[in-house]
C-alpha cells in the first residue's frame, strides 16, 4: 500500500544534505615561556571578551523536498487511510487516467465517473481530501513538538557548557601572567564546543527546512486537487 501511495505524489530527488563531517581542529598551541607564545593567549582572551556566550546562530539552507520526510508524511496518510473508496483511491485513478489523457478537466471528470459507479460523491472526495490534509497538519504539529524537544535536549547542554567555558576564560584574565597555559587550554575547549554547537544547530535547522519543504509540497498537491475537484466536479 505504501509503495502505491508513494507513487501518487511527485517525489523530488533529495539534494545534497550531508554536512561536512570532519571539521579541521585548530592546531595545538606550543607550550613554553617565550614571549611569542605568551602573547597568543592574550589575543584569545580579548577575542573571547567580545564574544557573547551562546551567541551561535542556527543557519539552514532553503528547505528541499526529501524522501525521508516525504515517507514519514506518506506513512501517516497510509496509517490513517479510511475504509472504502475515498480521495486516495480517486488520486490513484486520476494518475492512471493521466497517463493516457492530457486534458486535466477531462481527467478529473473521467476519474470521478469511475468513482461514481461505486456510489462516491464529490462531497465525499472533498471531505476525505480535507481529512488527509488534517492528517498532514497533525504530523507537522507533532514534528514541531519533537523538534523543539530535540533542540532543547541537544543544544541546551552545549550552550550551557559553552557559556561556562567563556566565563571561565573571563575570570582567568586577571591571572593571565600566571595561568597562560590554562587559558590556552580552556580556549581550545571553547572552540571545540562552539563547533559542535554550530554543527548541531545547522543540522536541526536543515531538518526543519527540509521537513517544511516536504510538508508544503505534499499539502500543496492535496490543496490543488481540492480546488480542482471543486472546480471540475460540479
Protein backbone atom coordinates (compact mmCIF):
# COMPACT_ATOMS: atom_id res chain seq x y z
CA UNK A 1 0.00 0.00 0.00
CA UNK A 2 2.80 2.41 0.89
CA UNK A 3 4.52 1.91 -2.47
CA UNK A 4 1.28 2.63 -4.30
CA UNK A 5 0.59 5.65 -2.13
CA UNK A 6 4.09 6.96 -2.69
CA UNK A 7 3.71 6.69 -6.45
CA UNK A 8 0.69 9.00 -6.35
CA UNK A 9 2.74 12.03 -5.40
CA UNK A 10 5.73 13.62 -7.07
CA UNK A 11 8.89 12.98 -5.08
CA UNK A 12 11.69 15.40 -5.85
CA UNK A 13 15.18 14.00 -5.69
CA UNK A 14 16.85 14.56 -2.37
CA UNK A 15 19.50 17.26 -2.53
CA UNK A 16 22.94 17.07 -1.12
CA UNK A 17 22.03 17.23 2.57
CA UNK A 18 25.26 15.99 4.07
CA UNK A 19 27.12 18.40 6.26
CA UNK A 20 30.90 18.16 6.34
CA UNK A 21 31.64 15.56 8.99
CA UNK A 22 35.22 16.36 9.68
CA UNK A 23 35.98 19.94 10.55
CA UNK A 24 39.64 20.75 10.99
CA UNK A 25 40.67 21.40 14.58
CA UNK A 26 42.85 24.43 15.32
CA UNK A 27 46.46 23.45 15.62
CA UNK A 28 47.69 22.89 19.16
CA UNK A 29 49.39 25.81 20.88
CA UNK A 30 53.08 25.38 21.67
CA UNK A 31 53.92 25.50 25.36
CA UNK A 32 56.80 27.34 26.86
CA UNK A 33 57.86 30.70 28.27
CA UNK A 34 58.79 32.59 25.12
CA UNK A 35 57.22 35.99 24.56
CA UNK A 36 55.72 34.95 21.23
CA UNK A 37 53.93 32.03 22.87
CA UNK A 38 52.74 34.21 25.78
CA UNK A 39 51.12 36.77 23.50
CA UNK A 40 48.81 34.24 21.81
CA UNK A 41 46.56 33.53 24.85
CA UNK A 42 46.21 37.29 25.47
CA UNK A 43 44.82 37.77 21.98
CA UNK A 44 42.39 34.93 22.57
CA UNK A 45 41.19 36.41 25.84
CA UNK A 46 40.44 39.70 24.06
CA UNK A 47 38.55 37.84 21.36
CA UNK A 48 36.51 35.95 23.95
CA UNK A 49 35.64 39.17 25.77
CA UNK A 50 33.97 40.44 22.61
CA UNK A 51 32.06 37.20 22.06
CA UNK A 52 28.76 36.66 23.89
CA UNK A 53 28.18 33.19 25.37
CA UNK A 54 25.75 31.07 23.40
CA UNK A 55 25.65 33.53 20.52
CA UNK A 56 25.67 30.84 17.85
CA UNK A 57 23.09 31.25 15.08
CA UNK A 58 21.34 28.22 13.63
CA UNK A 59 21.58 28.79 9.90
CA UNK A 60 19.98 26.46 7.40
CA UNK A 61 19.86 26.40 3.65
CA UNK A 62 16.47 26.67 1.92
CA UNK A 63 14.47 23.52 2.55
CA UNK A 64 14.42 20.75 -0.03
CA UNK A 65 11.82 18.05 -0.52
CA UNK A 66 13.49 14.95 0.93
CA UNK A 67 12.39 11.37 0.51
CA UNK A 68 12.84 10.50 4.19
CA UNK A 69 10.46 13.25 5.33
CA UNK A 70 8.06 12.63 2.47
CA UNK A 71 7.96 8.97 3.53
CA UNK A 72 7.10 9.98 7.10
CA UNK A 73 4.21 12.08 5.83
CA UNK A 74 3.03 9.41 3.40
CA UNK A 75 3.13 6.75 6.10
CA UNK A 76 0.93 8.95 8.27
CA UNK A 77 -1.56 9.05 5.37
CA UNK A 78 -1.27 5.29 5.00
CA UNK A 79 -1.89 4.62 8.70
CA UNK A 80 -4.93 6.91 8.59
CA UNK A 81 -6.29 5.58 5.29
CA UNK A 82 -10.05 5.32 5.52
CA UNK A 83 -12.07 2.30 4.51
CA UNK A 84 -13.57 2.18 1.03
CA UNK A 85 -13.08 4.43 -1.96
CA UNK A 86 -12.00 7.92 -0.98
CA UNK A 87 -9.61 10.66 -2.11
CA UNK A 88 -6.56 8.37 -2.19
CA UNK A 89 -8.26 5.85 -4.47
CA UNK A 90 -9.53 8.75 -6.57
CA UNK A 91 -5.97 10.04 -6.80
CA UNK A 92 -4.82 6.63 -7.99
CA UNK A 93 -7.50 6.56 -10.70
CA UNK A 94 -6.60 10.10 -11.69
CA UNK A 95 -2.96 9.12 -12.05
CA UNK A 96 -3.81 6.14 -14.22
CA UNK A 97 -6.05 8.23 -16.47
CA UNK A 98 -3.41 10.96 -16.66
CA UNK A 99 -1.09 8.59 -18.48
CA UNK A 100 -3.49 8.47 -21.45
CA UNK A 101 -5.46 11.70 -21.03
CA UNK A 102 -3.61 15.02 -21.13
CA UNK A 103 -6.64 17.25 -20.62
CA UNK A 104 -6.79 17.94 -16.88
CA UNK A 105 -10.50 18.61 -16.64
CA UNK A 106 -11.36 15.53 -18.66
CA UNK A 107 -9.01 13.51 -16.47
CA UNK A 108 -10.74 14.61 -13.26
CA UNK A 109 -14.17 14.06 -14.75
CA UNK A 110 -13.25 10.62 -16.06
CA UNK A 111 -11.82 9.56 -12.72
CA UNK A 112 -14.95 10.78 -10.98
CA UNK A 113 -17.18 9.00 -13.47
CA UNK A 114 -15.46 5.74 -12.50
CA UNK A 115 -15.78 6.56 -8.80
CA UNK A 116 -19.46 7.49 -9.09
CA UNK A 117 -20.27 3.98 -10.29
CA UNK A 118 -19.37 2.89 -6.74
CA UNK A 119 -21.62 5.50 -5.20
CA UNK A 120 -18.85 8.00 -4.49
CA UNK A 121 -19.90 11.67 -4.44
CA UNK A 122 -17.96 14.87 -4.96
CA UNK A 123 -18.74 15.80 -1.38
CA UNK A 124 -17.15 12.58 -0.17
CA UNK A 125 -13.98 13.17 -2.20
CA UNK A 126 -13.69 16.74 -0.96
CA UNK A 127 -14.32 15.69 2.63
CA UNK A 128 -11.74 12.90 2.56
CA UNK A 129 -9.16 15.12 0.84
CA UNK A 130 -9.65 17.67 3.62
CA UNK A 131 -9.32 14.85 6.15
CA UNK A 132 -5.92 13.85 4.76
CA UNK A 133 -4.78 17.47 4.83
CA UNK A 134 -5.66 17.47 8.53
CA UNK A 135 -3.63 14.28 8.95
CA UNK A 136 -0.62 16.05 7.41
CA UNK A 137 -1.21 19.07 9.64
CA UNK A 138 -1.22 16.81 12.71
CA UNK A 139 2.03 15.16 11.59
CA UNK A 140 3.56 18.59 11.07
CA UNK A 141 2.46 19.67 14.55
CA UNK A 142 3.94 16.53 16.11
CA UNK A 143 7.19 17.09 14.23
CA UNK A 144 7.46 20.66 15.51
CA UNK A 145 6.97 19.48 19.10
CA UNK A 146 9.63 16.81 18.73
CA UNK A 147 11.94 19.28 17.01
CA UNK A 148 11.68 21.68 19.96
CA UNK A 149 12.35 18.81 22.35
CA UNK A 150 15.42 17.72 20.42
CA UNK A 151 16.59 21.32 20.15
CA UNK A 152 16.36 21.76 23.91
CA UNK A 153 17.99 18.40 24.56
CA UNK A 154 20.89 18.75 22.13
CA UNK A 155 21.52 22.49 22.21
CA UNK A 156 20.74 23.33 25.81
CA UNK A 157 23.58 21.42 27.44
CA UNK A 158 26.09 22.56 24.83
CA UNK A 159 25.03 26.20 25.22
CA UNK A 160 25.47 25.98 28.98
CA UNK A 161 28.83 24.32 28.54
CA UNK A 162 29.91 26.97 26.05
CA UNK A 163 28.80 29.80 28.34
CA UNK A 164 30.63 28.31 31.34
CA UNK A 165 33.84 27.94 29.39
CA UNK A 166 33.61 31.52 28.19
CA UNK A 167 33.05 32.74 31.73
CA UNK A 168 35.99 30.70 32.92
CA UNK A 169 38.24 32.47 30.41
CA UNK A 170 36.90 35.84 31.57
CA UNK A 171 37.65 35.08 35.21
CA UNK A 172 41.18 33.97 34.41
CA UNK A 173 42.02 37.18 32.54
CA UNK A 174 43.29 38.83 35.75
CA UNK A 175 45.62 35.88 36.32
CA UNK A 176 46.81 35.66 32.72
CA UNK A 177 50.50 36.07 33.63
CA UNK A 178 50.37 33.07 35.93
CA UNK A 179 47.75 30.98 34.13
CA UNK A 180 48.56 31.49 30.48
CA UNK A 181 48.73 27.80 29.68
CA UNK A 182 45.41 27.08 31.42
CA UNK A 183 43.68 29.86 29.46
CA UNK A 184 45.01 28.46 26.19
CA UNK A 185 43.57 25.03 27.06
CA UNK A 186 40.20 26.48 28.02
CA UNK A 187 40.07 28.43 24.78
CA UNK A 188 40.72 25.31 22.74
CA UNK A 189 37.86 23.52 24.52
CA UNK A 190 35.61 26.51 23.97
CA UNK A 191 36.28 26.48 20.24
CA UNK A 192 35.52 22.77 20.06
CA UNK A 193 32.22 23.25 21.88
CA UNK A 194 31.32 26.15 19.60
CA UNK A 195 31.96 23.99 16.54
CA UNK A 196 29.77 21.18 17.91
CA UNK A 197 27.06 23.64 18.83
CA UNK A 198 27.07 25.23 15.37
CA UNK A 199 27.03 21.80 13.72
CA UNK A 200 24.03 20.60 15.75
CA UNK A 201 22.23 23.91 15.18
CA UNK A 202 22.78 23.65 11.41
CA UNK A 203 21.53 20.07 11.35
CA UNK A 204 18.37 20.88 13.30
CA UNK A 205 17.75 23.98 11.20
CA UNK A 206 18.24 22.00 7.97
CA UNK A 207 15.88 19.25 9.14
CA UNK A 208 13.31 21.93 9.95
CA UNK A 209 13.66 23.47 6.49
CA UNK A 210 13.64 20.11 4.68
CA UNK A 211 10.58 18.83 6.55
CA UNK A 212 8.77 22.11 5.94
CA UNK A 213 9.51 21.89 2.21
CA UNK A 214 8.32 18.27 2.11
CA UNK A 215 5.18 19.17 4.06
CA UNK A 216 4.38 22.17 1.84
CA UNK A 217 4.98 20.10 -1.30
CA UNK A 218 2.51 17.39 -0.29
CA UNK A 219 0.00 19.78 1.21
CA UNK A 220 0.02 21.95 -1.92
CA UNK A 221 -0.76 18.90 -4.07
CA UNK A 222 -3.71 17.98 -1.90
CA UNK A 223 -4.93 21.57 -1.81
CA UNK A 224 -4.56 21.82 -5.59
CA UNK A 225 -6.62 18.67 -6.02
CA UNK A 226 -9.17 20.07 -3.61
CA UNK A 227 -9.53 23.24 -5.68
CA UNK A 228 -9.71 21.29 -8.93
CA UNK A 229 -12.30 18.84 -7.59
CA UNK A 230 -14.44 21.79 -6.53
CA UNK A 231 -13.90 23.40 -9.96
CA UNK A 232 -14.35 20.40 -12.21
CA UNK A 233 -16.64 18.06 -10.34
CA UNK A 234 -19.85 20.06 -10.10
